[in-house]
């Protein structure tokens, strides 16, 4: 089931926070390696391979929630 909402809808920020919170539970590793600001996600790692792994974990987590 796909649900679309109109941009500017008052409930959108609330819905976004709920969805991101559910996704974060399964993949969040810690404050210093992932940061959130409004609708942006920053992933950090000392090695490129570590960054790739984090990216794919987050991508799969968001895709699994639709």
N, C-alpha and C. Protein backbone atom coordinates (compact mmCIF):
# COMPACT_ATOMS: atom_id res chain seq x y z
N UNK A 1 0.84 -1.17 0.00
CA UNK A 1 0.00 0.00 0.00
C UNK A 1 0.88 1.24 0.00
N UNK A 2 0.63 2.14 -0.90
CA UNK A 2 1.40 3.37 -0.98
C UNK A 2 0.50 4.54 -0.62
N UNK A 3 0.99 5.39 0.27
CA UNK A 3 0.22 6.55 0.71
C UNK A 3 0.99 7.80 0.34
N UNK A 4 0.36 8.69 -0.37
CA UNK A 4 0.97 9.97 -0.73
C UNK A 4 0.28 11.08 0.04
N UNK A 5 1.06 12.04 0.49
CA UNK A 5 0.52 13.20 1.21
C UNK A 5 0.87 14.45 0.43
N UNK A 6 0.03 15.45 0.53
CA UNK A 6 0.28 16.73 -0.14
C UNK A 6 1.38 17.48 0.58
N UNK A 7 2.27 18.10 -0.18
CA UNK A 7 3.34 18.88 0.41
C UNK A 7 2.72 20.05 1.17
N UNK A 8 3.24 20.32 2.35
CA UNK A 8 2.72 21.40 3.17
C UNK A 8 1.67 20.95 4.17
N UNK A 9 1.31 19.68 4.14
CA UNK A 9 0.33 19.15 5.08
C UNK A 9 0.88 19.28 6.50
N UNK A 10 0.06 19.72 7.43
CA UNK A 10 0.50 19.97 8.81
C UNK A 10 1.05 18.71 9.47
N UNK A 11 0.55 17.55 9.15
CA UNK A 11 0.97 16.31 9.80
C UNK A 11 2.29 15.75 9.25
N UNK A 12 2.77 16.23 8.12
CA UNK A 12 3.96 15.65 7.51
C UNK A 12 5.19 15.63 8.41
N UNK A 13 5.54 16.70 9.12
CA UNK A 13 6.71 16.62 10.00
C UNK A 13 6.55 15.55 11.08
N UNK A 14 5.37 15.42 11.62
CA UNK A 14 5.11 14.41 12.65
C UNK A 14 5.25 13.00 12.08
N UNK A 15 4.68 12.78 10.91
CA UNK A 15 4.78 11.47 10.26
C UNK A 15 6.23 11.15 9.93
N UNK A 16 6.97 12.14 9.44
CA UNK A 16 8.38 11.95 9.12
C UNK A 16 9.16 11.51 10.35
N UNK A 17 8.95 12.17 11.48
CA UNK A 17 9.66 11.84 12.72
C UNK A 17 9.35 10.42 13.16
N UNK A 18 8.11 10.00 13.04
CA UNK A 18 7.73 8.64 13.43
C UNK A 18 8.42 7.61 12.54
N UNK A 19 8.39 7.82 11.25
CA UNK A 19 9.00 6.87 10.31
C UNK A 19 10.51 6.79 10.53
N UNK A 20 11.18 7.92 10.66
CA UNK A 20 12.63 7.91 10.85
C UNK A 20 12.98 7.26 12.18
N UNK A 21 12.19 7.48 13.22
CA UNK A 21 12.45 6.86 14.51
C UNK A 21 12.39 5.34 14.42
N UNK A 22 11.41 4.82 13.69
CA UNK A 22 11.28 3.37 13.52
C UNK A 22 12.47 2.81 12.74
N UNK A 23 12.88 3.49 11.69
CA UNK A 23 14.03 3.05 10.90
C UNK A 23 15.31 3.11 11.72
N UNK A 24 15.48 4.18 12.51
CA UNK A 24 16.69 4.37 13.30
C UNK A 24 16.91 3.26 14.32
N UNK A 25 15.85 2.71 14.85
CA UNK A 25 15.99 1.67 15.87
C UNK A 25 16.85 0.51 15.40
N UNK A 26 16.75 0.17 14.14
CA UNK A 26 17.44 -1.02 13.65
C UNK A 26 18.86 -0.77 13.17
N UNK A 27 19.22 0.48 12.86
CA UNK A 27 20.55 0.72 12.27
C UNK A 27 21.41 1.76 12.97
N UNK A 28 20.86 2.49 13.88
CA UNK A 28 21.65 3.57 14.50
C UNK A 28 22.77 3.01 15.36
N UNK A 29 24.00 3.52 15.13
CA UNK A 29 25.18 3.05 15.85
C UNK A 29 25.65 4.02 16.92
N UNK A 30 25.46 5.28 16.73
CA UNK A 30 25.91 6.24 17.72
C UNK A 30 25.97 7.65 17.19
N UNK A 31 25.95 8.58 18.10
CA UNK A 31 25.88 9.99 17.74
C UNK A 31 27.06 10.45 16.89
N UNK A 32 28.24 9.96 17.15
CA UNK A 32 29.40 10.46 16.42
C UNK A 32 29.53 9.89 15.01
N UNK A 33 28.79 8.84 14.70
CA UNK A 33 28.89 8.29 13.35
C UNK A 33 27.66 8.59 12.49
N UNK A 34 26.57 9.06 13.12
CA UNK A 34 25.37 9.44 12.38
C UNK A 34 24.75 10.66 13.03
N UNK A 35 24.42 11.65 12.21
CA UNK A 35 23.77 12.85 12.73
C UNK A 35 22.55 13.15 11.88
N UNK A 36 21.51 13.66 12.54
CA UNK A 36 20.29 14.03 11.85
C UNK A 36 20.01 15.50 12.07
N UNK A 37 19.55 16.15 11.02
CA UNK A 37 19.10 17.53 11.14
C UNK A 37 17.93 17.71 10.18
N UNK A 38 16.78 17.96 10.73
CA UNK A 38 15.52 18.10 9.99
C UNK A 38 15.33 16.85 9.14
N UNK A 39 15.54 16.93 7.84
CA UNK A 39 15.36 15.74 6.99
C UNK A 39 16.67 15.31 6.33
N UNK A 40 17.79 15.65 6.96
CA UNK A 40 19.10 15.27 6.43
C UNK A 40 19.75 14.24 7.35
N UNK A 41 20.50 13.34 6.75
CA UNK A 41 21.24 12.32 7.47
C UNK A 41 22.70 12.44 7.07
N UNK A 42 23.60 12.53 8.06
CA UNK A 42 25.04 12.60 7.82
C UNK A 42 25.65 11.32 8.38
N UNK A 43 26.36 10.58 7.53
CA UNK A 43 27.07 9.38 7.96
C UNK A 43 28.56 9.67 7.92
N UNK A 44 29.27 9.23 8.96
CA UNK A 44 30.71 9.47 9.03
C UNK A 44 31.44 8.18 9.37
N UNK A 45 32.64 8.05 8.81
CA UNK A 45 33.48 6.90 9.09
C UNK A 45 34.92 7.27 8.77
N UNK A 46 35.85 6.64 9.45
CA UNK A 46 37.27 6.92 9.18
C UNK A 46 37.72 6.28 7.87
N UNK A 47 37.09 5.18 7.49
CA UNK A 47 37.48 4.47 6.28
C UNK A 47 36.33 4.48 5.28
N UNK A 48 36.65 4.53 4.00
CA UNK A 48 35.65 4.56 2.95
C UNK A 48 34.76 3.31 3.00
N UNK A 49 35.36 2.16 3.26
CA UNK A 49 34.57 0.92 3.31
C UNK A 49 33.54 0.97 4.44
N UNK A 50 33.92 1.53 5.58
CA UNK A 50 32.98 1.67 6.69
C UNK A 50 31.82 2.57 6.31
N UNK A 51 32.10 3.62 5.56
CA UNK A 51 31.06 4.53 5.10
C UNK A 51 30.12 3.81 4.13
N UNK A 52 30.67 3.02 3.24
CA UNK A 52 29.84 2.25 2.31
C UNK A 52 28.91 1.30 3.06
N UNK A 53 29.45 0.62 4.06
CA UNK A 53 28.64 -0.32 4.85
C UNK A 53 27.48 0.41 5.54
N UNK A 54 27.77 1.55 6.14
CA UNK A 54 26.72 2.33 6.80
C UNK A 54 25.66 2.77 5.80
N UNK A 55 26.11 3.25 4.65
CA UNK A 55 25.17 3.70 3.63
C UNK A 55 24.21 2.58 3.24
N UNK A 56 24.75 1.40 2.96
CA UNK A 56 23.90 0.29 2.54
C UNK A 56 22.98 -0.18 3.66
N UNK A 57 23.43 -0.13 4.92
CA UNK A 57 22.57 -0.48 6.04
C UNK A 57 21.38 0.47 6.12
N UNK A 58 21.66 1.78 6.01
CA UNK A 58 20.58 2.77 6.07
C UNK A 58 19.65 2.65 4.87
N UNK A 59 20.23 2.45 3.69
CA UNK A 59 19.41 2.32 2.48
C UNK A 59 18.45 1.14 2.61
N UNK A 60 18.96 0.00 3.04
CA UNK A 60 18.13 -1.19 3.20
C UNK A 60 17.07 -0.97 4.28
N UNK A 61 17.43 -0.29 5.35
CA UNK A 61 16.47 -0.04 6.43
C UNK A 61 15.31 0.83 5.93
N UNK A 62 15.63 1.91 5.21
CA UNK A 62 14.56 2.76 4.69
C UNK A 62 13.72 2.04 3.65
N UNK A 63 14.35 1.28 2.77
CA UNK A 63 13.60 0.55 1.75
C UNK A 63 12.70 -0.52 2.36
N UNK A 64 13.15 -1.14 3.45
CA UNK A 64 12.34 -2.18 4.07
C UNK A 64 11.06 -1.61 4.70
N UNK A 65 11.08 -0.30 5.00
CA UNK A 65 9.90 0.35 5.59
C UNK A 65 9.04 1.01 4.51
N UNK A 66 9.49 0.94 3.27
CA UNK A 66 8.70 1.52 2.18
C UNK A 66 8.91 2.99 2.06
